[in-house]
Amino acid sequence: MLTTQYVHGAPNWLDLSTSDTGSAAAFYGELLGWSFRSAGPESGGYGFFQLDGKTVAALSPSHDGAPPTWNLYFHTPDADTTVKAVEQAGGTVRMAPDDVFTQGRMAACTDPGGADFSLWQPGDLKGLDLVTEPGSLAWAELYVADPDAVSPFYADVFGWTIEHTPFGDLTYIVASASEGTDPSLAGLLPLQPGDTPHWLPYLEVPDCDATLLLAQQLGARVTVPAIGAEGIGRFAELTDPQGARFAIITSATP
C-alpha cells in the first residue's frame, strides 16, 4: 500500500509532461477536482496539481515534440548511488542526477525492458502530500515484454521483494519495498503486442464508472473498460485528451 512515509524504492512523485498544460489543467480539474499552482517564473512552466491544498501530482510542458506522458518517480536517499546501481543492473541513465533548486535531486532512467522512470532524492520537497485517497496516486503498474526478466533489475536497484500471485488467467507480479508494515507498492504485467514499455499510474476515484463517463465527456479515450476484481476494486485505463495514459481505480473497502 502506498503511503507518504516514503522508503527506498517507493513511488514518491508523479508529474505530467504534456503539449498543452492549460487544457490538461482544465481536464484534470474537472475530472478530479485538482487545482494548479505554478512553481514560479523560474520553473519553466512547471507547477503543482493540488487537492484541498495538498500536492497530488505536478505538471510541465513537454519539450522537443515528446509525447504527453505521466512520469513516475521513486524515492532514493542518494540519487548518485542509485544511478550507479541502475547501470550495474543493466538499465540506462537518461539524465544524470541534478539538483532542482533546494527541492531535491532527480535523475531519469530506463529499465532493461525499455520503460522510463525517474528518481527523486528529497530535499525541501519530500514527495507527494497525499496518496491512496480519492484524487491521488493509488497504485502503479509496469508493462514490459518480459516482467520476469525485468523484475530482478528493480530488486537489485531498490531492494524490492518480488511475489507471483494468481490473477485470473494471468500471474500478477507484486513488488514490495524492503521496509514498511504494508510494503506492496507496484505490479508488473506483460506488455500487450504492439504496445510500448511503460509505467502506468492509477488514480483513486470515488466511483470508477461515473469518473470514466465524465472523462469521456471531457475528451478522454477509454483504452480498457471498467473491470471489477474481488478484493481489489473496480478500475479502467484511458488516455487524456492530449494522449497521456493513466488508470483510475475505486479500491475495494478492506
C-alpha atoms as a PDB file:
ATOM      1  CA  MET A   1       0.000   0.000   0.000  1.00  0.00           C
ATOM      2  CA  LEU A   2       1.325   3.420  -0.909  1.00  0.00           C
ATOM      3  CA  THR A   3       1.923   5.889   1.901  1.00  0.00           C
ATOM      4  CA  THR A   4       3.616   9.258   2.305  1.00  0.00           C
ATOM      5  CA  GLN A   5       6.093   7.670   4.727  1.00  0.00           C
ATOM      6  CA  TYR A   6       8.475   7.203   1.822  1.00  0.00           C
ATOM      7  CA  VAL A   7      11.045   4.432   1.856  1.00  0.00           C
ATOM      8  CA  HIS A   8      13.694   3.489  -0.697  1.00  0.00           C
ATOM      9  CA  GLY A   9      12.060   2.404  -3.946  1.00  0.00           C
ATOM     10  CA  ALA A  10       8.557   3.663  -3.133  1.00  0.00           C
ATOM     11  CA  PRO A  11       6.726   5.917  -5.625  1.00  0.00           C
ATOM     12  CA  ASN A  12       7.070   9.412  -4.197  1.00  0.00           C
ATOM     13  CA  TRP A  13       6.362  11.795  -7.082  1.00  0.00           C
ATOM     14  CA  LEU A  14       4.256  11.936 -10.218  1.00  0.00           C
ATOM     15  CA  ASP A  15       4.226  14.522 -12.963  1.00  0.00           C
ATOM     16  CA  LEU A  16       2.587  15.002 -16.321  1.00  0.00           C
ATOM     17  CA  SER A  17       4.558  16.290 -19.300  1.00  0.00           C
ATOM     18  CA  THR A  18       2.120  17.468 -21.934  1.00  0.00           C
ATOM     19  CA  SER A  19       1.756  19.534 -25.088  1.00  0.00           C
ATOM     20  CA  ASP A  20      -0.970  21.819 -23.684  1.00  0.00           C
ATOM     21  CA  THR A  21      -0.669  22.490 -19.968  1.00  0.00           C
ATOM     22  CA  GLY A  22      -3.685  24.787 -19.891  1.00  0.00           C
ATOM     23  CA  SER A  23      -6.003  22.183 -21.380  1.00  0.00           C
ATOM     24  CA  ALA A  24      -4.526  19.458 -19.177  1.00  0.00           C
ATOM     25  CA  ALA A  25      -5.055  21.522 -16.039  1.00  0.00           C
ATOM     26  CA  ALA A  26      -8.660  22.136 -17.067  1.00  0.00           C
ATOM     27  CA  PHE A  27      -9.270  18.448 -17.812  1.00  0.00           C
ATOM     28  CA  TYR A  28      -7.916  17.122 -14.514  1.00  0.00           C
ATOM     29  CA  GLY A  29      -9.531  19.978 -12.643  1.00  0.00           C
ATOM     30  CA  GLU A  30     -12.942  18.957 -13.963  1.00  0.00           C
ATOM     31  CA  LEU A  31     -12.276  15.232 -13.593  1.00  0.00           C
ATOM     32  CA  LEU A  32     -10.627  15.066 -10.164  1.00  0.00           C
ATOM     33  CA  GLY A  33     -11.148  18.481  -8.597  1.00  0.00           C
ATOM     34  CA  TRP A  34      -7.479  19.403  -8.917  1.00  0.00           C
ATOM     35  CA  SER A  35      -6.263  22.987  -8.927  1.00  0.00           C
ATOM     36  CA  PHE A  36      -2.993  24.103 -10.487  1.00  0.00           C
ATOM     37  CA  ARG A  37      -0.338  26.204  -8.731  1.00  0.00           C
ATOM     38  CA  SER A  38       2.697  27.439 -10.643  1.00  0.00           C
ATOM     39  CA  ALA A  39       6.125  26.760  -9.175  1.00  0.00           C
ATOM     40  CA  GLY A  40       7.171  30.284 -10.146  1.00  0.00           C
ATOM     41  CA  PRO A  41       8.570  32.214 -13.113  1.00  0.00           C
ATOM     42  CA  GLU A  42      11.926  30.421 -12.909  1.00  0.00           C
ATOM     43  CA  SER A  43      10.343  26.956 -13.174  1.00  0.00           C
ATOM     44  CA  GLY A  44       9.841  26.879 -16.956  1.00  0.00           C
ATOM     45  CA  GLY A  45       6.098  26.321 -16.674  1.00  0.00           C
ATOM     46  CA  TYR A  46       6.356  23.587 -14.033  1.00  0.00           C
ATOM     47  CA  GLY A  47       3.704  23.594 -11.325  1.00  0.00           C
ATOM     48  CA  PHE A  48       1.685  21.530  -8.905  1.00  0.00           C
ATOM     49  CA  PHE A  49      -1.692  19.829  -9.042  1.00  0.00           C
ATOM     50  CA  GLN A  50      -3.322  20.240  -5.657  1.00  0.00           C
ATOM     51  CA  LEU A  51      -6.391  18.905  -3.905  1.00  0.00           C
ATOM     52  CA  ASP A  52      -7.573  20.786  -0.823  1.00  0.00           C
ATOM     53  CA  GLY A  53      -4.155  22.402  -0.586  1.00  0.00           C
ATOM     54  CA  LYS A  54      -2.211  19.124  -0.790  1.00  0.00           C
ATOM     55  CA  THR A  55       0.040  18.339  -3.730  1.00  0.00           C
ATOM     56  CA  VAL A  56      -1.088  15.174  -5.546  1.00  0.00           C
ATOM     57  CA  ALA A  57       0.913  15.485  -8.799  1.00  0.00           C
ATOM     58  CA  ALA A  58       2.735  18.023 -10.950  1.00  0.00           C
ATOM     59  CA  LEU A  59       2.508  19.395 -14.480  1.00  0.00           C
ATOM     60  CA  SER A  60       5.049  20.613 -17.013  1.00  0.00           C
ATOM     61  CA  PRO A  61       5.177  21.456 -20.729  1.00  0.00           C
ATOM     62  CA  SER A  62       6.703  18.735 -22.895  1.00  0.00           C
ATOM     63  CA  HIS A  63       9.763  19.557 -24.979  1.00  0.00           C
ATOM     64  CA  ASP A  64      11.176  18.619 -28.388  1.00  0.00           C
ATOM     65  CA  GLY A  65       7.933  17.033 -29.527  1.00  0.00           C
ATOM     66  CA  ALA A  66       7.932  14.387 -26.791  1.00  0.00           C
ATOM     67  CA  PRO A  67       4.541  12.670 -26.447  1.00  0.00           C
ATOM     68  CA  PRO A  68       2.358  13.542 -23.439  1.00  0.00           C
ATOM     69  CA  THR A  69       3.339  11.221 -20.596  1.00  0.00           C
ATOM     70  CA  TRP A  70       2.744  10.636 -16.913  1.00  0.00           C
ATOM     71  CA  ASN A  71       6.164  10.211 -15.271  1.00  0.00           C
ATOM     72  CA  LEU A  72       6.619   8.145 -12.113  1.00  0.00           C
ATOM     73  CA  TYR A  73       9.412   8.848  -9.619  1.00  0.00           C
ATOM     74  CA  PHE A  74      10.822   6.524  -6.970  1.00  0.00           C
ATOM     75  CA  HIS A  75      12.316   7.552  -3.647  1.00  0.00           C
ATOM     76  CA  THR A  76      16.023   7.278  -3.128  1.00  0.00           C
ATOM     77  CA  PRO A  77      18.119   8.586  -0.233  1.00  0.00           C
ATOM     78  CA  ASP A  78      21.061   9.011  -2.633  1.00  0.00           C
ATOM     79  CA  ALA A  79      20.384   9.546  -6.347  1.00  0.00           C
ATOM     80  CA  ASP A  80      24.050   9.279  -7.318  1.00  0.00           C
ATOM     81  CA  THR A  81      24.419   5.864  -5.696  1.00  0.00           C
ATOM     82  CA  THR A  82      21.131   4.648  -7.183  1.00  0.00           C
ATOM     83  CA  VAL A  83      22.041   5.598 -10.773  1.00  0.00           C
ATOM     84  CA  LYS A  84      25.223   3.571 -10.393  1.00  0.00           C
ATOM     85  CA  ALA A  85      23.057   0.646  -9.308  1.00  0.00           C
ATOM     86  CA  VAL A  86      20.818   1.231 -12.352  1.00  0.00           C
ATOM     87  CA  GLU A  87      23.790   0.973 -14.707  1.00  0.00           C
ATOM     88  CA  GLN A  88      25.259  -2.052 -12.941  1.00  0.00           C
ATOM     89  CA  ALA A  89      21.895  -3.840 -13.170  1.00  0.00           C
ATOM     90  CA  GLY A  90      21.582  -3.254 -16.920  1.00  0.00           C
ATOM     91  CA  GLY A  91      19.497  -0.083 -17.028  1.00  0.00           C
ATOM     92  CA  THR A  92      20.234   3.224 -18.737  1.00  0.00           C
ATOM     93  CA  VAL A  93      20.634   6.675 -17.192  1.00  0.00           C
ATOM     94  CA  ARG A  94      18.929   9.185 -19.491  1.00  0.00           C
ATOM     95  CA  MET A  95      19.591  12.178 -17.244  1.00  0.00           C
ATOM     96  CA  ALA A  96      22.328  12.210 -14.634  1.00  0.00           C
ATOM     97  CA  PRO A  97      21.429  13.313 -11.090  1.00  0.00           C
ATOM     98  CA  ASP A  98      20.891  17.041 -10.853  1.00  0.00           C
ATOM     99  CA  ASP A  99      19.712  19.397  -8.136  1.00  0.00           C
ATOM    100  CA  VAL A 100      16.303  21.020  -8.508  1.00  0.00           C
ATOM    101  CA  PHE A 101      16.994  24.235  -6.597  1.00  0.00           C
ATOM    102  CA  THR A 102      16.779  23.174  -2.924  1.00  0.00           C
ATOM    103  CA  GLN A 103      13.751  20.943  -3.538  1.00  0.00           C
ATOM    104  CA  GLY A 104      15.686  17.721  -4.118  1.00  0.00           C
ATOM    105  CA  ARG A 105      17.843  15.834  -6.578  1.00  0.00           C
ATOM    106  CA  MET A 106      16.460  13.947  -9.553  1.00  0.00           C
ATOM    107  CA  ALA A 107      17.589  11.585 -12.299  1.00  0.00           C
ATOM    108  CA  ALA A 108      15.847   9.909 -15.241  1.00  0.00           C
ATOM    109  CA  CYS A 109      16.434   6.257 -16.151  1.00  0.00           C
ATOM    110  CA  THR A 110      15.203   3.425 -18.355  1.00  0.00           C
ATOM    111  CA  ASP A 111      14.936  -0.174 -17.183  1.00  0.00           C
ATOM    112  CA  PRO A 112      16.267  -3.107 -19.273  1.00  0.00           C
ATOM    113  CA  GLY A 113      12.768  -3.728 -20.636  1.00  0.00           C
ATOM    114  CA  GLY A 114      12.564  -0.221 -22.097  1.00  0.00           C
ATOM    115  CA  ALA A 115      10.287   1.516 -19.551  1.00  0.00           C
ATOM    116  CA  ASP A 116      11.247   5.015 -18.407  1.00  0.00           C
ATOM    117  CA  PHE A 117      11.165   6.045 -14.756  1.00  0.00           C
ATOM    118  CA  SER A 118      12.726   8.724 -12.582  1.00  0.00           C
ATOM    119  CA  LEU A 119      14.381   9.043  -9.186  1.00  0.00           C
ATOM    120  CA  TRP A 120      13.693  11.643  -6.528  1.00  0.00           C
ATOM    121  CA  GLN A 121      16.048  12.314  -3.633  1.00  0.00           C
ATOM    122  CA  PRO A 122      14.111  14.596  -1.297  1.00  0.00           C
ATOM    123  CA  GLY A 123      15.372  17.986  -0.201  1.00  0.00           C
ATOM    124  CA  ASP A 124      12.858  20.598   0.878  1.00  0.00           C
ATOM    125  CA  LEU A 125      10.256  18.691  -1.174  1.00  0.00           C
ATOM    126  CA  LYS A 126       9.750  15.281   0.420  1.00  0.00           C
ATOM    127  CA  GLY A 127       7.238  13.964  -2.129  1.00  0.00           C
ATOM    128  CA  LEU A 128       3.509  13.925  -2.763  1.00  0.00           C
ATOM    129  CA  ASP A 129       1.387  15.175   0.137  1.00  0.00           C
ATOM    130  CA  LEU A 130      -1.444  12.709  -0.452  1.00  0.00           C
ATOM    131  CA  VAL A 131      -1.736   9.149  -1.807  1.00  0.00           C
ATOM    132  CA  THR A 132      -4.427   6.406  -1.849  1.00  0.00           C
ATOM    133  CA  GLU A 133      -7.193   8.933  -1.140  1.00  0.00           C
ATOM    134  CA  PRO A 134      -9.705   9.952  -3.844  1.00  0.00           C
ATOM    135  CA  GLY A 135      -7.958  12.238  -6.304  1.00  0.00           C
ATOM    136  CA  SER A 136      -4.447  10.937  -5.624  1.00  0.00           C
ATOM    137  CA  LEU A 137      -1.997   8.238  -6.683  1.00  0.00           C
ATOM    138  CA  ALA A 138      -3.158   4.817  -5.516  1.00  0.00           C
ATOM    139  CA  TRP A 139      -1.013   2.266  -7.358  1.00  0.00           C
ATOM    140  CA  ALA A 140       1.474   1.829 -10.193  1.00  0.00           C
ATOM    141  CA  GLU A 141       1.981  -0.887 -12.795  1.00  0.00           C
ATOM    142  CA  LEU A 142       4.892  -1.687 -15.049  1.00  0.00           C
ATOM    143  CA  TYR A 143       4.203  -3.078 -18.524  1.00  0.00           C
ATOM    144  CA  VAL A 144       7.163  -4.750 -20.240  1.00  0.00           C
ATOM    145  CA  ALA A 145       7.521  -7.648 -22.661  1.00  0.00           C
ATOM    146  CA  ASP A 146       9.004  -9.976 -20.042  1.00  0.00           C
ATOM    147  CA  PRO A 147       8.248  -8.952 -16.432  1.00  0.00           C
ATOM    148  CA  ASP A 148      10.175 -11.919 -15.020  1.00  0.00           C
ATOM    149  CA  ALA A 149      13.284 -10.767 -16.872  1.00  0.00           C
ATOM    150  CA  VAL A 150      12.948  -7.163 -15.659  1.00  0.00           C
ATOM    151  CA  SER A 151      11.914  -7.728 -12.031  1.00  0.00           C
ATOM    152  CA  PRO A 152      15.484  -8.662 -10.908  1.00  0.00           C
ATOM    153  CA  PHE A 153      16.616  -5.217 -12.106  1.00  0.00           C
ATOM    154  CA  TYR A 154      14.267  -3.473  -9.677  1.00  0.00           C
ATOM    155  CA  ALA A 155      15.164  -5.924  -6.922  1.00  0.00           C
ATOM    156  CA  ASP A 156      18.825  -5.017  -7.400  1.00  0.00           C
ATOM    157  CA  VAL A 157      18.245  -1.261  -7.661  1.00  0.00           C
ATOM    158  CA  PHE A 158      15.606  -0.763  -4.965  1.00  0.00           C
ATOM    159  CA  GLY A 159      15.760  -3.947  -2.908  1.00  0.00           C
ATOM    160  CA  TRP A 160      12.205  -4.878  -3.892  1.00  0.00           C
ATOM    161  CA  THR A 161      10.757  -8.233  -2.967  1.00  0.00           C
ATOM    162  CA  ILE A 162       9.015  -9.876  -5.937  1.00  0.00           C
ATOM    163  CA  GLU A 163       5.996 -12.156  -5.430  1.00  0.00           C
ATOM    164  CA  HIS A 164       3.946 -14.006  -8.059  1.00  0.00           C
ATOM    165  CA  THR A 165       0.195 -14.009  -7.394  1.00  0.00           C
ATOM    166  CA  PRO A 166      -2.530 -15.774  -9.455  1.00  0.00           C
ATOM    167  CA  PHE A 167      -4.912 -13.245 -11.019  1.00  0.00           C
ATOM    168  CA  GLY A 168      -7.500 -14.823 -13.310  1.00  0.00           C
ATOM    169  CA  ASP A 169      -5.693 -16.286 -16.300  1.00  0.00           C
ATOM    170  CA  LEU A 170      -2.578 -14.266 -15.511  1.00  0.00           C
ATOM    171  CA  THR A 171       0.145 -14.284 -12.927  1.00  0.00           C
ATOM    172  CA  TYR A 172       0.341 -10.857 -11.336  1.00  0.00           C
ATOM    173  CA  ILE A 173       3.755  -9.869 -10.030  1.00  0.00           C
ATOM    174  CA  VAL A 174       3.627  -7.731  -6.887  1.00  0.00           C
ATOM    175  CA  ALA A 175       6.638  -5.666  -5.895  1.00  0.00           C
ATOM    176  CA  SER A 176       7.114  -4.749  -2.257  1.00  0.00           C
ATOM    177  CA  ALA A 177       9.562  -2.475  -0.514  1.00  0.00           C
ATOM    178  CA  SER A 178      12.045  -3.803   1.992  1.00  0.00           C
ATOM    179  CA  GLU A 179      10.542  -1.548   4.676  1.00  0.00           C
ATOM    180  CA  GLY A 180       7.079  -0.674   5.956  1.00  0.00           C
ATOM    181  CA  THR A 181       4.192  -2.509   7.600  1.00  0.00           C
ATOM    182  CA  ASP A 182       2.285  -2.950   4.293  1.00  0.00           C
ATOM    183  CA  PRO A 183       5.091  -2.598   1.783  1.00  0.00           C
ATOM    184  CA  SER A 184       3.363  -3.547  -1.523  1.00  0.00           C
ATOM    185  CA  LEU A 185       3.807  -0.681  -3.962  1.00  0.00           C
ATOM    186  CA  ALA A 186       3.558  -1.783  -7.598  1.00  0.00           C
ATOM    187  CA  GLY A 187       2.534  -4.513 -10.017  1.00  0.00           C
ATOM    188  CA  LEU A 188       4.289  -5.927 -13.075  1.00  0.00           C
ATOM    189  CA  LEU A 189       2.436  -7.221 -16.131  1.00  0.00           C
ATOM    190  CA  PRO A 190       3.298  -8.425 -19.648  1.00  0.00           C
ATOM    191  CA  LEU A 191       3.034  -5.876 -22.422  1.00  0.00           C
ATOM    192  CA  GLN A 192       0.284  -6.222 -24.999  1.00  0.00           C
ATOM    193  CA  PRO A 193       1.501  -6.867 -28.569  1.00  0.00           C
ATOM    194  CA  GLY A 194       2.305  -3.626 -30.359  1.00  0.00           C
ATOM    195  CA  ASP A 195       2.416  -1.543 -27.178  1.00  0.00           C
ATOM    196  CA  THR A 196       5.475   0.235 -25.804  1.00  0.00           C
ATOM    197  CA  PRO A 197       7.010  -0.411 -22.343  1.00  0.00           C
ATOM    198  CA  HIS A 198       5.716   1.997 -19.720  1.00  0.00           C
ATOM    199  CA  TRP A 199       4.807   2.675 -16.121  1.00  0.00           C
ATOM    200  CA  LEU A 200       1.089   3.313 -15.592  1.00  0.00           C
ATOM    201  CA  PRO A 201      -0.163   5.387 -12.621  1.00  0.00           C
ATOM    202  CA  TYR A 202      -3.519   4.559 -11.013  1.00  0.00           C
ATOM    203  CA  LEU A 203      -5.522   7.425  -9.547  1.00  0.00           C
ATOM    204  CA  GLU A 204      -8.044   6.712  -6.809  1.00  0.00           C
ATOM    205  CA  VAL A 205     -11.620   7.887  -7.523  1.00  0.00           C
ATOM    206  CA  PRO A 206     -14.866   7.564  -5.534  1.00  0.00           C
ATOM    207  CA  ASP A 207     -16.797   5.914  -8.402  1.00  0.00           C
ATOM    208  CA  CYS A 208     -14.887   4.337 -11.285  1.00  0.00           C
ATOM    209  CA  ASP A 209     -17.826   4.158 -13.699  1.00  0.00           C
ATOM    210  CA  ALA A 210     -19.007   7.710 -13.073  1.00  0.00           C
ATOM    211  CA  THR A 211     -15.456   9.059 -13.412  1.00  0.00           C
ATOM    212  CA  LEU A 212     -14.921   7.094 -16.607  1.00  0.00           C
ATOM    213  CA  LEU A 213     -18.102   8.546 -18.126  1.00  0.00           C
ATOM    214  CA  LEU A 214     -17.083  12.063 -17.132  1.00  0.00           C
ATOM    215  CA  ALA A 215     -13.601  11.541 -18.583  1.00  0.00           C
ATOM    216  CA  GLN A 216     -15.133  10.578 -21.933  1.00  0.00           C
ATOM    217  CA  GLN A 217     -17.377  13.626 -21.864  1.00  0.00           C
ATOM    218  CA  LEU A 218     -14.266  15.747 -21.274  1.00  0.00           C
ATOM    219  CA  GLY A 219     -12.483  14.251 -24.293  1.00  0.00           C
ATOM    220  CA  ALA A 220     -10.587  11.282 -22.872  1.00  0.00           C
ATOM    221  CA  ARG A 221     -10.411   7.947 -24.676  1.00  0.00           C
ATOM    222  CA  VAL A 222     -11.049   4.635 -22.906  1.00  0.00           C
ATOM    223  CA  THR A 223      -8.382   2.011 -23.645  1.00  0.00           C
ATOM    224  CA  VAL A 224      -9.538  -0.629 -21.145  1.00  0.00           C
ATOM    225  CA  PRO A 225     -13.195  -0.511 -19.989  1.00  0.00           C
ATOM    226  CA  ALA A 226     -14.059  -0.714 -16.315  1.00  0.00           C
ATOM    227  CA  ILE A 227     -13.308  -4.108 -14.754  1.00  0.00           C
ATOM    228  CA  GLY A 228     -14.131  -5.361 -11.283  1.00  0.00           C
ATOM    229  CA  ALA A 229     -11.813  -7.640  -9.296  1.00  0.00           C
ATOM    230  CA  GLU A 230     -12.781  -9.134  -5.950  1.00  0.00           C
ATOM    231  CA  GLY A 231     -10.709  -7.767  -3.118  1.00  0.00           C
ATOM    232  CA  ILE A 232      -9.093  -5.154  -5.370  1.00  0.00           C
ATOM    233  CA  GLY A 233     -11.822  -2.868  -6.654  1.00  0.00           C
ATOM    234  CA  ARG A 234     -13.032  -1.550  -9.981  1.00  0.00           C
ATOM    235  CA  PHE A 235     -10.615   0.038 -12.427  1.00  0.00           C
ATOM    236  CA  ALA A 236     -10.190   1.243 -16.014  1.00  0.00           C
ATOM    237  CA  GLU A 237      -7.471   2.609 -18.279  1.00  0.00           C
ATOM    238  CA  LEU A 238      -7.677   5.660 -20.510  1.00  0.00           C
ATOM    239  CA  THR A 239      -5.750   8.418 -22.228  1.00  0.00           C
ATOM    240  CA  ASP A 240      -6.386  12.076 -21.539  1.00  0.00           C
ATOM    241  CA  PRO A 241      -7.314  14.483 -24.378  1.00  0.00           C
ATOM    242  CA  GLN A 242      -3.624  15.155 -25.136  1.00  0.00           C
ATOM    243  CA  GLY A 243      -2.775  11.425 -25.181  1.00  0.00           C
ATOM    244  CA  ALA A 244      -1.183  10.715 -21.797  1.00  0.00           C
ATOM    245  CA  ARG A 245      -2.204   7.313 -20.463  1.00  0.00           C
ATOM    246  CA  PHE A 246      -3.340   6.689 -16.898  1.00  0.00           C
ATOM    247  CA  ALA A 247      -5.719   4.495 -14.953  1.00  0.00           C
ATOM    248  CA  ILE A 248      -8.428   5.097 -12.384  1.00  0.00           C
ATOM    249  CA  ILE A 249      -9.478   2.786  -9.576  1.00  0.00           C
ATOM    250  CA  THR A 250     -12.136   2.632  -6.889  1.00  0.00           C
ATOM    251  CA  SER A 251     -10.397   0.409  -4.400  1.00  0.00           C
ATOM    252  CA  ALA A 252     -12.271  -2.298  -2.532  1.00  0.00           C
ATOM    253  CA  THR A 253     -13.010  -1.474   1.087  1.00  0.00           C
ATOM    254  CA  PRO A 254     -10.771  -3.551   3.373  1.00  0.00           C
END
